[in-house]
Protein backbone atom coordinates (compact mmCIF):
# COMPACT_ATOMS: atom_id res chain seq x y z
CA UNK A 1 13.55 -7.87 4.78
CA UNK A 2 16.46 -5.62 4.41
CA UNK A 3 17.35 -2.12 5.10
CA UNK A 4 18.68 0.47 2.85
CA UNK A 5 19.45 4.29 3.83
CA UNK A 6 19.71 3.70 7.22
CA UNK A 7 16.64 1.93 8.24
CA UNK A 8 14.48 2.13 5.02
CA UNK A 9 13.52 -1.56 5.33
CA UNK A 10 11.45 -3.67 3.08
CA UNK A 11 9.67 -7.11 3.53
CA UNK A 12 10.27 -9.83 0.78
CA UNK A 13 7.58 -12.29 1.35
CA UNK A 14 8.14 -16.00 0.30
CA UNK A 15 6.21 -17.53 -2.67
CA UNK A 16 3.50 -19.25 -0.19
CA UNK A 17 2.73 -16.08 1.39
CA UNK A 18 1.87 -14.22 -1.95
CA UNK A 19 -0.97 -16.84 -2.75
CA UNK A 20 -2.48 -15.98 0.84
CA UNK A 21 -5.79 -14.33 1.22
CA UNK A 22 -5.94 -10.30 1.09
CA UNK A 23 -6.46 -10.49 5.37
CA UNK A 24 -3.62 -12.68 6.05
CA UNK A 25 -0.93 -10.59 4.23
CA UNK A 26 -2.64 -7.27 5.21
CA UNK A 27 -0.15 -6.73 8.03
CA UNK A 28 3.11 -8.08 6.33
CA UNK A 29 2.14 -5.53 3.14
CA UNK A 30 1.87 -2.96 5.43
CA UNK A 31 5.21 -3.80 7.21
CA UNK A 32 6.77 -3.77 3.37
CA UNK A 33 5.49 -0.19 2.86
CA UNK A 34 5.66 1.26 6.25
CA UNK A 35 9.27 0.41 6.62
CA UNK A 36 10.07 2.31 3.32
CA UNK A 37 10.55 5.05 6.18
CA UNK A 38 11.93 2.41 8.62
CA UNK A 39 14.26 4.08 11.58
CA UNK A 40 14.57 7.66 10.26
CA UNK A 41 13.66 9.43 13.31
CA UNK A 42 15.16 11.14 16.38
CA UNK A 43 17.97 12.75 14.09
CA UNK A 44 17.75 16.30 14.97
CA UNK A 45 20.40 15.65 17.59
CA UNK A 46 23.04 16.59 15.15
CA UNK A 47 22.13 20.12 15.19
CA UNK A 48 22.13 20.20 19.07
CA UNK A 49 25.69 18.82 18.86
CA UNK A 50 26.60 21.72 16.76
CA UNK A 51 24.90 24.32 18.90
CA UNK A 52 26.95 22.57 21.94
CA UNK A 53 30.04 23.11 20.02
CA UNK A 54 29.49 26.80 18.99
CA UNK A 55 28.77 27.60 22.77
CA UNK A 56 31.82 25.84 23.82
CA UNK A 57 34.03 27.11 20.71
CA UNK A 58 35.40 23.61 20.18
CA UNK A 59 35.74 23.20 16.34
CA UNK A 60 34.38 19.83 14.80
CA UNK A 61 35.01 18.55 11.48
CA UNK A 62 33.33 15.51 9.78
CA UNK A 63 36.20 13.91 7.61
CA UNK A 64 37.26 10.81 5.79
CA UNK A 65 40.22 9.12 6.87
CA UNK A 66 41.27 5.63 8.07
CA UNK A 67 41.84 6.68 11.86
CA UNK A 68 38.40 8.11 12.17
CA UNK A 69 35.18 6.67 13.43
CA UNK A 70 32.59 5.65 10.73
CA UNK A 71 29.10 6.61 11.60
CA UNK A 72 25.89 5.68 9.72
CA UNK A 73 25.88 3.50 6.61
CA UNK A 74 28.01 6.19 4.29
CA UNK A 75 31.51 5.34 4.55
CA UNK A 76 32.70 8.24 2.81
CA UNK A 77 31.92 10.83 5.77
CA UNK A 78 32.76 9.66 9.18
CA UNK A 79 33.39 11.39 12.77
CA UNK A 80 36.54 11.63 14.29
CA UNK A 81 37.01 8.85 17.04
CA UNK A 82 37.12 10.31 20.57
CA UNK A 83 40.55 10.65 21.76
CA UNK A 84 41.84 8.00 24.56
CA UNK A 85 43.06 10.84 26.82
CA UNK A 86 41.05 13.93 27.86
CA UNK A 87 41.20 16.63 25.21
CA UNK A 88 43.64 19.81 26.08
CA UNK A 89 42.04 23.15 27.14
CA UNK A 90 38.59 22.82 28.46
CA UNK A 91 38.49 19.11 28.08
CA UNK A 92 35.36 18.75 26.04
CA UNK A 93 35.03 16.74 23.02
CA UNK A 94 31.58 16.45 21.52
CA UNK A 95 30.72 14.18 18.87
CA UNK A 96 27.99 13.36 16.92
CA UNK A 97 25.24 10.95 18.27
CA UNK A 98 25.16 7.45 16.42
CA UNK A 99 21.73 7.80 15.13
CA UNK A 100 22.12 11.56 14.31
CA UNK A 101 25.34 11.34 12.40
CA UNK A 102 24.17 9.76 9.05
CA UNK A 103 25.78 11.93 6.38
CA UNK A 104 26.06 11.89 2.70
CA UNK A 105 28.86 12.44 0.30
CA UNK A 106 27.81 14.54 -2.61
CA UNK A 107 30.34 13.34 -5.13
CA UNK A 108 29.69 9.93 -4.88
CA UNK A 109 33.27 8.67 -5.49
CA UNK A 110 34.73 6.42 -2.70
CA UNK A 111 38.17 7.34 -3.58
CA UNK A 112 37.87 10.97 -3.00
CA UNK A 113 38.07 12.43 0.74
CA UNK A 114 35.75 15.26 1.60
CA UNK A 115 35.98 17.98 4.36
CA UNK A 116 32.12 18.50 5.24
CA UNK A 117 31.28 20.73 8.23
CA UNK A 118 28.92 19.51 10.85
CA UNK A 119 26.02 21.83 9.67
CA UNK A 120 26.13 20.55 6.19
CA UNK A 121 26.25 16.99 7.13
CA UNK A 122 23.74 17.26 10.05
CA UNK A 123 21.12 19.37 7.76
CA UNK A 124 20.72 16.12 5.42
CA UNK A 125 19.67 14.42 8.69
CA UNK A 126 17.72 17.33 10.37
CA UNK A 127 15.79 18.10 7.12
CA UNK A 128 14.65 14.40 7.22
CA UNK A 129 13.34 14.82 10.61
CA UNK A 130 11.59 18.02 9.84
CA UNK A 131 10.00 16.35 6.82
CA UNK A 132 8.63 13.64 9.24
CA UNK A 133 7.41 16.51 11.43
CA UNK A 134 5.64 18.31 8.58
CA UNK A 135 4.10 15.37 6.92
CA UNK A 136 2.64 13.51 9.81
CA UNK A 137 0.25 16.59 10.60
CA UNK A 138 -0.70 16.32 6.99
CA UNK A 139 -3.05 13.45 8.02
CA UNK A 140 -5.33 15.90 9.26
CA UNK A 141 -6.15 16.70 5.93
CA UNK A 142 -6.31 13.37 4.58
CA UNK A 143 -8.91 11.87 6.82
CA UNK A 144 -11.72 11.74 4.26
CA UNK A 145 -9.79 9.41 2.14
CA UNK A 146 -9.55 5.59 1.90
CA UNK A 147 -6.45 4.49 3.89
CA UNK A 148 -5.36 2.33 1.20
CA UNK A 149 -5.13 5.22 -1.38
CA UNK A 150 -3.27 7.33 1.46
CA UNK A 151 -0.64 4.57 1.65
CA UNK A 152 -0.08 4.43 -2.12
CA UNK A 153 0.39 8.00 -2.36
CA UNK A 154 2.70 8.03 0.75
CA UNK A 155 4.77 5.41 -0.66
CA UNK A 156 5.00 6.98 -4.03
CA UNK A 157 6.22 10.08 -2.39
CA UNK A 158 9.03 8.08 -0.60
CA UNK A 159 9.84 6.57 -4.03
CA UNK A 160 9.97 10.03 -5.54
CA UNK A 161 12.31 11.39 -3.06
CA UNK A 162 14.61 8.24 -3.58
CA UNK A 163 14.68 8.97 -7.54
CA UNK A 164 15.70 12.53 -6.67
CA UNK A 165 18.45 11.50 -4.18
CA UNK A 166 19.91 8.91 -6.54
CA UNK A 167 20.76 11.33 -9.17
CA UNK A 168 21.20 14.42 -7.06
CA UNK A 169 24.19 16.25 -8.78
CA UNK A 170 24.20 19.07 -5.86
CA UNK A 171 24.15 19.01 -2.10
CA UNK A 172 21.14 21.30 -2.16
CA UNK A 173 19.08 19.04 -4.44
CA UNK A 174 20.17 16.06 -2.09
CA UNK A 175 18.87 18.09 0.79
CA UNK A 176 15.49 18.57 -0.87
CA UNK A 177 15.36 15.09 -1.50
CA UNK A 178 15.76 14.09 2.10
CA UNK A 179 13.03 16.49 3.00
CA UNK A 180 10.70 14.79 0.57
CA UNK A 181 11.46 11.20 1.92
CA UNK A 182 10.94 12.56 5.25
CA UNK A 183 7.45 13.90 4.61
CA UNK A 184 5.57 10.24 4.56
CA UNK A 185 7.40 8.69 7.48
CA UNK A 186 5.06 9.79 10.22
CA UNK A 187 1.83 9.99 8.25
CA UNK A 188 2.64 6.33 6.79
CA UNK A 189 2.86 4.78 10.24
CA UNK A 190 -0.26 6.78 11.39
CA UNK A 191 -2.49 5.34 8.59
CA UNK A 192 -1.04 1.90 8.52
CA UNK A 193 -1.68 1.67 12.17
CA UNK A 194 -5.22 2.57 11.81
CA UNK A 195 -5.53 0.08 9.01
CA UNK A 196 -3.78 -2.79 11.13
CA UNK A 197 -6.03 -2.18 14.01
CA UNK A 198 -9.30 -2.15 11.92
CA UNK A 199 -8.26 -5.36 10.20
CA UNK A 200 -7.04 -7.12 13.42
CA UNK A 201 -9.27 -9.66 15.43
CA UNK A 202 -10.73 -8.72 18.83
CA UNK A 203 -7.78 -8.44 21.34
CA UNK A 204 -5.11 -8.77 18.72
CA UNK A 205 -4.49 -5.14 17.95
CA UNK A 206 -1.17 -4.58 19.22
CA UNK A 207 -0.05 -7.93 17.61
CA UNK A 208 -1.12 -6.55 14.21
CA UNK A 209 0.57 -3.14 14.73
CA UNK A 210 3.89 -4.89 16.06
CA UNK A 211 3.69 -6.69 12.87
CA UNK A 212 3.39 -3.42 11.01
CA UNK A 213 6.37 -2.01 12.46
CA UNK A 214 8.43 -5.19 12.26
CA UNK A 215 10.96 -4.00 9.45
CA UNK A 216 12.18 -1.19 11.66
CA UNK A 217 14.17 -3.58 14.04
CA UNK A 218 14.87 -5.91 11.05
CA UNK A 219 16.20 -2.91 9.25
CA UNK A 220 18.80 -2.31 12.19
CA UNK A 221 19.82 -5.82 12.63
CA UNK A 222 20.03 -6.62 8.54
CA UNK A 223 19.65 -3.54 6.61
CA UNK A 224 22.43 -1.43 7.92
CA UNK A 225 25.06 -3.97 7.11
CA UNK A 226 23.64 -4.51 3.80
CA UNK A 227 23.44 -0.83 3.22
CA UNK A 228 26.95 -0.42 4.49
CA UNK A 229 28.28 -3.27 2.01
CA UNK A 230 26.58 -1.47 -0.81
CA UNK A 231 28.00 2.17 0.01
CA UNK A 232 31.56 0.38 0.41
CA UNK A 233 31.33 -1.68 -2.63
CA UNK A 234 29.62 0.78 -5.05
CA UNK A 235 28.12 4.45 -4.20
CA UNK A 236 25.74 5.79 -1.71
CA UNK A 237 23.62 6.31 -4.48
CA UNK A 238 23.10 2.60 -5.14
CA UNK A 239 21.15 2.08 -1.79
CA UNK A 240 18.84 4.91 -3.31
CA UNK A 241 18.38 3.17 -6.41
CA UNK A 242 17.23 0.00 -4.56
CA UNK A 243 14.68 2.16 -2.67
CA UNK A 244 13.21 3.35 -5.92
CA UNK A 245 12.82 -0.50 -7.09
CA UNK A 246 11.25 -1.72 -3.67
CA UNK A 247 9.12 1.30 -3.67
CA UNK A 248 7.66 0.41 -6.78
CA UNK A 249 7.13 -3.09 -5.39
CA UNK A 250 5.49 -1.50 -2.08
CA UNK A 251 2.79 0.42 -4.19
CA UNK A 252 1.92 -2.81 -6.11
CA UNK A 253 1.61 -5.05 -3.02
CA UNK A 254 -0.52 -2.46 -1.33
CA UNK A 255 -2.47 -2.14 -4.39
CA UNK A 256 -2.71 -5.85 -4.79
CA UNK A 257 -3.37 -7.08 -1.29
CA UNK A 258 -4.26 -4.42 1.13
CA UNK A 259 -8.00 -4.37 1.74
CA UNK A 260 -9.89 -1.14 0.74
CA UNK A 261 -10.75 -0.22 4.27
CA UNK A 262 -13.68 2.62 4.27
CA UNK A 263 -12.38 6.08 5.03
CA UNK A 264 -13.07 7.40 8.82
CA UNK A 265 -16.19 9.08 9.40
CA UNK A 266 -16.13 12.76 8.17
CA UNK A 267 -17.33 14.85 10.86
CA UNK A 268 -15.30 18.10 10.03
CA UNK A 269 -12.03 19.38 11.21
CA UNK A 270 -13.13 20.46 14.78
CA UNK A 271 -14.45 16.83 15.42
CA UNK A 272 -11.15 15.58 15.26
CA UNK A 273 -9.78 17.25 18.06
CA UNK A 274 -12.57 16.28 20.50
CA UNK A 275 -10.48 13.37 21.80
CA UNK A 276 -8.01 15.48 23.29
CA UNK A 277 -10.42 16.57 25.86
CA UNK A 278 -9.59 13.27 27.72
CA UNK A 279 -6.69 12.82 29.71
CA UNK A 280 -6.04 9.33 28.32
CA UNK A 281 -4.35 10.22 24.92
CA UNK A 282 -2.30 12.97 26.76
CA UNK A 283 -0.97 10.31 29.15
CA UNK A 284 -0.03 8.23 26.27
CA UNK A 285 1.77 11.05 24.54
CA UNK A 286 3.49 11.92 27.23
CA UNK A 287 4.68 8.40 27.81
CA UNK A 288 5.98 8.26 24.25
CA UNK A 289 7.80 11.40 24.39
CA UNK A 290 9.35 10.62 27.89
CA UNK A 291 10.03 6.84 27.40
CA UNK A 292 11.73 7.43 23.97
CA UNK A 293 13.47 10.40 24.88
CA UNK A 294 15.11 8.42 27.95
CA UNK A 295 16.55 5.59 26.02
CA UNK A 296 17.70 7.82 23.12
CA UNK A 297 19.86 9.72 25.69
CA UNK A 298 21.89 6.66 25.76
CA UNK A 299 21.45 5.11 22.52
CA UNK A 300 22.40 8.26 20.86
CA UNK A 301 26.00 7.90 22.29
CA UNK A 302 26.05 4.07 22.23
CA UNK A 303 29.18 3.93 19.78
CA UNK A 304 31.65 5.94 21.87
CA UNK A 305 30.16 4.44 25.12
CA UNK A 306 31.11 1.01 23.95
CA UNK A 307 34.62 2.02 22.80
CA UNK A 308 35.61 4.58 25.52
CA UNK A 309 33.78 3.12 28.50
CA UNK A 310 33.50 -0.88 27.36
CA UNK A 311 36.79 -1.10 25.99
CA UNK A 312 35.85 -2.37 22.61
CA UNK A 313 37.61 -1.87 19.38
CA UNK A 314 36.47 0.18 16.38
CA UNK A 315 36.04 -2.70 14.40
CA UNK A 316 33.85 -4.61 16.74
CA UNK A 317 31.00 -1.77 16.84
CA UNK A 318 29.28 -2.91 13.49
CA UNK A 319 28.77 -6.44 15.08
CA UNK A 320 27.74 -5.03 18.28
CA UNK A 321 25.29 -2.72 16.39
CA UNK A 322 23.92 -5.98 14.85
CA UNK A 323 23.24 -7.53 18.16
CA UNK A 324 21.58 -4.32 19.03
CA UNK A 325 19.54 -4.79 16.34
CA UNK A 326 18.64 -8.25 17.42
CA UNK A 327 17.47 -6.79 20.73
CA UNK A 328 15.15 -4.39 18.91
CA UNK A 329 13.63 -7.46 16.81
CA UNK A 330 12.95 -9.49 20.08
CA UNK A 331 11.57 -6.56 21.61
CA UNK A 332 9.12 -6.13 18.93
CA UNK A 333 8.23 -9.84 18.82
CA UNK A 334 7.88 -10.04 22.54
CA UNK A 335 5.29 -6.90 22.41
CA UNK A 336 3.53 -8.51 19.70
CA UNK A 337 3.16 -11.97 21.74
CA UNK A 338 2.26 -10.74 25.11
CA UNK A 339 1.16 -6.84 25.14
CA UNK A 340 -2.46 -7.92 24.35
CA UNK A 341 -2.38 -10.70 26.97
CA UNK A 342 -1.35 -8.37 29.64
CA UNK A 343 -3.01 -5.35 28.40
CA UNK A 344 -0.94 -2.85 26.39
CA UNK A 345 -0.72 -0.05 29.07
CA UNK A 346 0.51 -2.42 31.97
CA UNK A 347 2.96 -4.26 29.46
CA UNK A 348 4.37 -1.27 28.28
CA UNK A 349 4.75 0.51 31.75
CA UNK A 350 6.50 -2.56 32.83
CA UNK A 351 8.95 -2.28 29.77
CA UNK A 352 9.58 1.44 30.73
CA UNK A 353 10.61 0.45 34.36
CA UNK A 354 12.99 -2.35 33.10
CA UNK A 355 14.52 0.29 30.61
CA UNK A 356 14.91 2.84 33.53
CA UNK A 357 16.66 0.09 35.72
CA UNK A 358 18.87 -0.94 32.58
CA UNK A 359 20.02 2.54 31.82
CA UNK A 360 20.83 3.15 35.44
CA UNK A 361 22.78 -0.03 35.51
CA UNK A 362 24.59 1.07 32.44
CA UNK A 363 25.80 4.19 34.23
CA UNK A 364 27.55 2.25 36.69
CA UNK A 365 28.55 -1.00 34.91
CA UNK A 366 29.55 0.46 31.48
CA UNK A 367 33.24 -0.41 32.05
CA UNK A 368 32.50 -3.86 32.13
CA UNK A 369 32.21 -4.65 28.54
CA UNK A 370 30.13 -7.84 28.45
CA UNK A 371 27.74 -6.34 31.13
CA UNK A 372 27.33 -3.08 28.83
CA UNK A 373 26.35 -5.24 25.72
CA UNK A 374 23.68 -7.30 27.91
CA UNK A 375 22.37 -3.98 28.95
CA UNK A 376 22.39 -2.68 25.46
CA UNK A 377 20.42 -5.72 24.08
CA UNK A 378 17.81 -5.00 26.91
CA UNK A 379 17.41 -1.20 26.40
CA UNK A 380 17.01 -1.93 22.70
CA UNK A 381 14.36 -4.62 23.19
CA UNK A 382 12.59 -1.95 25.38
CA UNK A 383 12.78 0.83 22.83
CA UNK A 384 11.08 -1.49 20.24
CA UNK A 385 8.73 -3.19 22.94
CA UNK A 386 6.95 0.02 23.64
CA UNK A 387 6.37 1.66 20.35
CA UNK A 388 3.80 -0.81 19.01
CA UNK A 389 1.34 -0.83 22.18
CA UNK A 390 1.60 2.89 22.20
CA UNK A 391 0.46 3.23 18.65
CA UNK A 392 -2.20 1.01 19.25
CA UNK A 393 -3.36 2.77 22.54
CA UNK A 394 -3.51 5.98 20.57
CA UNK A 395 -5.72 4.80 17.89
CA UNK A 396 -7.90 2.96 20.53
CA UNK A 397 -8.36 6.08 22.57
CA UNK A 398 -8.69 8.91 19.76
CA UNK A 399 -12.25 7.99 18.91
CA UNK A 400 -13.10 10.42 15.93
CA UNK A 401 -9.58 11.81 15.66
CA UNK A 402 -7.50 8.51 14.89
CA UNK A 403 -5.56 10.48 11.88
CA UNK A 404 -4.62 13.24 14.44
CA UNK A 405 -4.06 10.93 17.06
CA UNK A 406 -1.47 9.01 14.62
CA UNK A 407 0.07 12.41 13.85
CA UNK A 408 0.56 13.25 17.65
CA UNK A 409 2.35 9.84 18.52
CA UNK A 410 4.68 10.21 15.58
CA UNK A 411 5.29 13.87 16.94
CA UNK A 412 5.88 12.51 20.14
CA UNK A 413 8.46 9.76 19.11
CA UNK A 414 10.44 12.28 17.15
CA UNK A 415 10.31 15.10 19.84
CA UNK A 416 11.13 12.76 22.39
CA UNK A 417 14.11 11.02 20.51
CA UNK A 418 15.37 14.70 19.66
CA UNK A 419 15.40 15.81 23.06
CA UNK A 420 17.00 12.47 24.26
CA UNK A 421 19.87 13.28 21.79
CA UNK A 422 20.13 16.90 23.15
CA UNK A 423 20.17 16.17 27.06
CA UNK A 424 22.26 13.10 26.47
CA UNK A 425 24.81 15.26 24.56
CA UNK A 426 24.97 17.97 27.60
CA UNK A 427 27.44 15.76 29.74
CA UNK A 428 29.37 14.64 26.85
CA UNK A 429 29.96 18.22 25.77
CA UNK A 430 31.07 19.26 29.23
CA UNK A 431 33.83 16.71 29.53
CA UNK A 432 31.90 13.77 31.47
CA UNK A 433 32.18 10.33 30.45
CA UNK A 434 29.85 8.66 27.85
CA UNK A 435 28.13 6.56 30.62
CA UNK A 436 26.31 10.09 31.72
CA UNK A 437 23.98 9.95 28.70
CA UNK A 438 22.45 6.94 30.45
CA UNK A 439 21.92 8.57 33.80
CA UNK A 440 20.18 11.66 32.29
CA UNK A 441 17.76 9.09 30.55
CA UNK A 442 16.77 7.39 33.70
CA UNK A 443 14.47 10.07 35.21
CA UNK A 444 12.82 10.48 31.90
CA UNK A 445 12.28 6.58 31.54
CA UNK A 446 10.90 6.88 34.97
CA UNK A 447 8.56 9.55 34.19
CA UNK A 448 7.30 7.75 30.82
CA UNK A 449 6.32 4.57 33.16
CA UNK A 450 4.74 6.51 35.63
CA UNK A 451 2.43 8.34 32.89
CA UNK A 452 1.70 4.82 31.55
CA UNK A 453 0.81 3.29 35.14
CA UNK A 454 -1.54 6.09 35.93
CA UNK A 455 -3.10 5.24 32.35
CA UNK A 456 -3.34 1.80 33.42
CA UNK A 457 -4.98 2.44 36.60
CA UNK A 458 -7.55 4.56 35.24
CA UNK A 459 -8.26 3.65 31.72
CA UNK A 460 -7.68 -0.08 31.38
């Protein structure tokens, strides 16, 4: 597997697996297509930082110079490194969140340096997140179609977006391409989750969903360095070209190996909303929103935290991010092995409490570099350990409205991540340390754990 365009990941199967029966390759194929979208969530935090900048009258520019901190996989556009000494004046030095700071150079030349203001760079990210939210709820209109056809259709949209982005001559066309690429993100994961659950054996639903989502953590572990290399060595357009080829591969593999699961019963539009009368799905949605938001309070600012508080050099951040990706892979796989055995709700509840404890320790122990790294690994494992069980649970408790349930959980992921980046940015913007976002995330993670505990006691 590898990742392009910051988390657009794809699985490449070894020859023995290609000859396997359809049911045996179902989940890996879903992982291949599902991770076309990858980890492109929670990127609205960029605009939040711009809002804080405007309120506090502190100009910020995104530049491309040797003494600046690179953020994202595009080396041409980076963010100014936080100063070692407090800033003059009101002491405010807001910076882009790590996840929300991916930006594009329109020209494509590695030699030229461009001065791009935050709104222009941030809009390329926020427009993707808006596309994710808009596209997720399109599933309500697709419920009468077979999931296999929906998956191929969504994969084709991703490919079309990559084609436009790879040849976009202007910023505005690139902006449109990013919106198109975001549209299938939530819808794909919602549909793929339903297929994975339907094809899984009894008691193995969470494991199937975890396998479907496995490409996201692998994207952070392997894909980001590959995307960075391609951008450095050639151009930011090269990853998009690779996405085109892999998108075509995805559509073929879905067509060839994903079973043609029957469409969900079509009982009308109103019938899809009936499951919302129960408290169970609301608890799952609330836990997703709060849990992811709490962890993203901290993770959105992980790079300056490690540098300013932990004492790590800028050159070491890439390796540390690979370690964070390793934590995500471990969390996803542990979730696949244990969630079904210990009941998904209870297992996820434990992970949420663990994440809250790790965030609290990060606040106090961030100056101890190696401790901060260990806590980073734990938090990243929790972040990707809770996602798959929550997606499985929403499908299980959304009878008659599985498509809508998938929409809701994707919306909760995105809104929670955006809220986390927003809340985490407040203490940074008023001049507090980069360890304070972790403290802000503690009550959110605890609230998510409590929601899951209530769900476990009443509905499992």
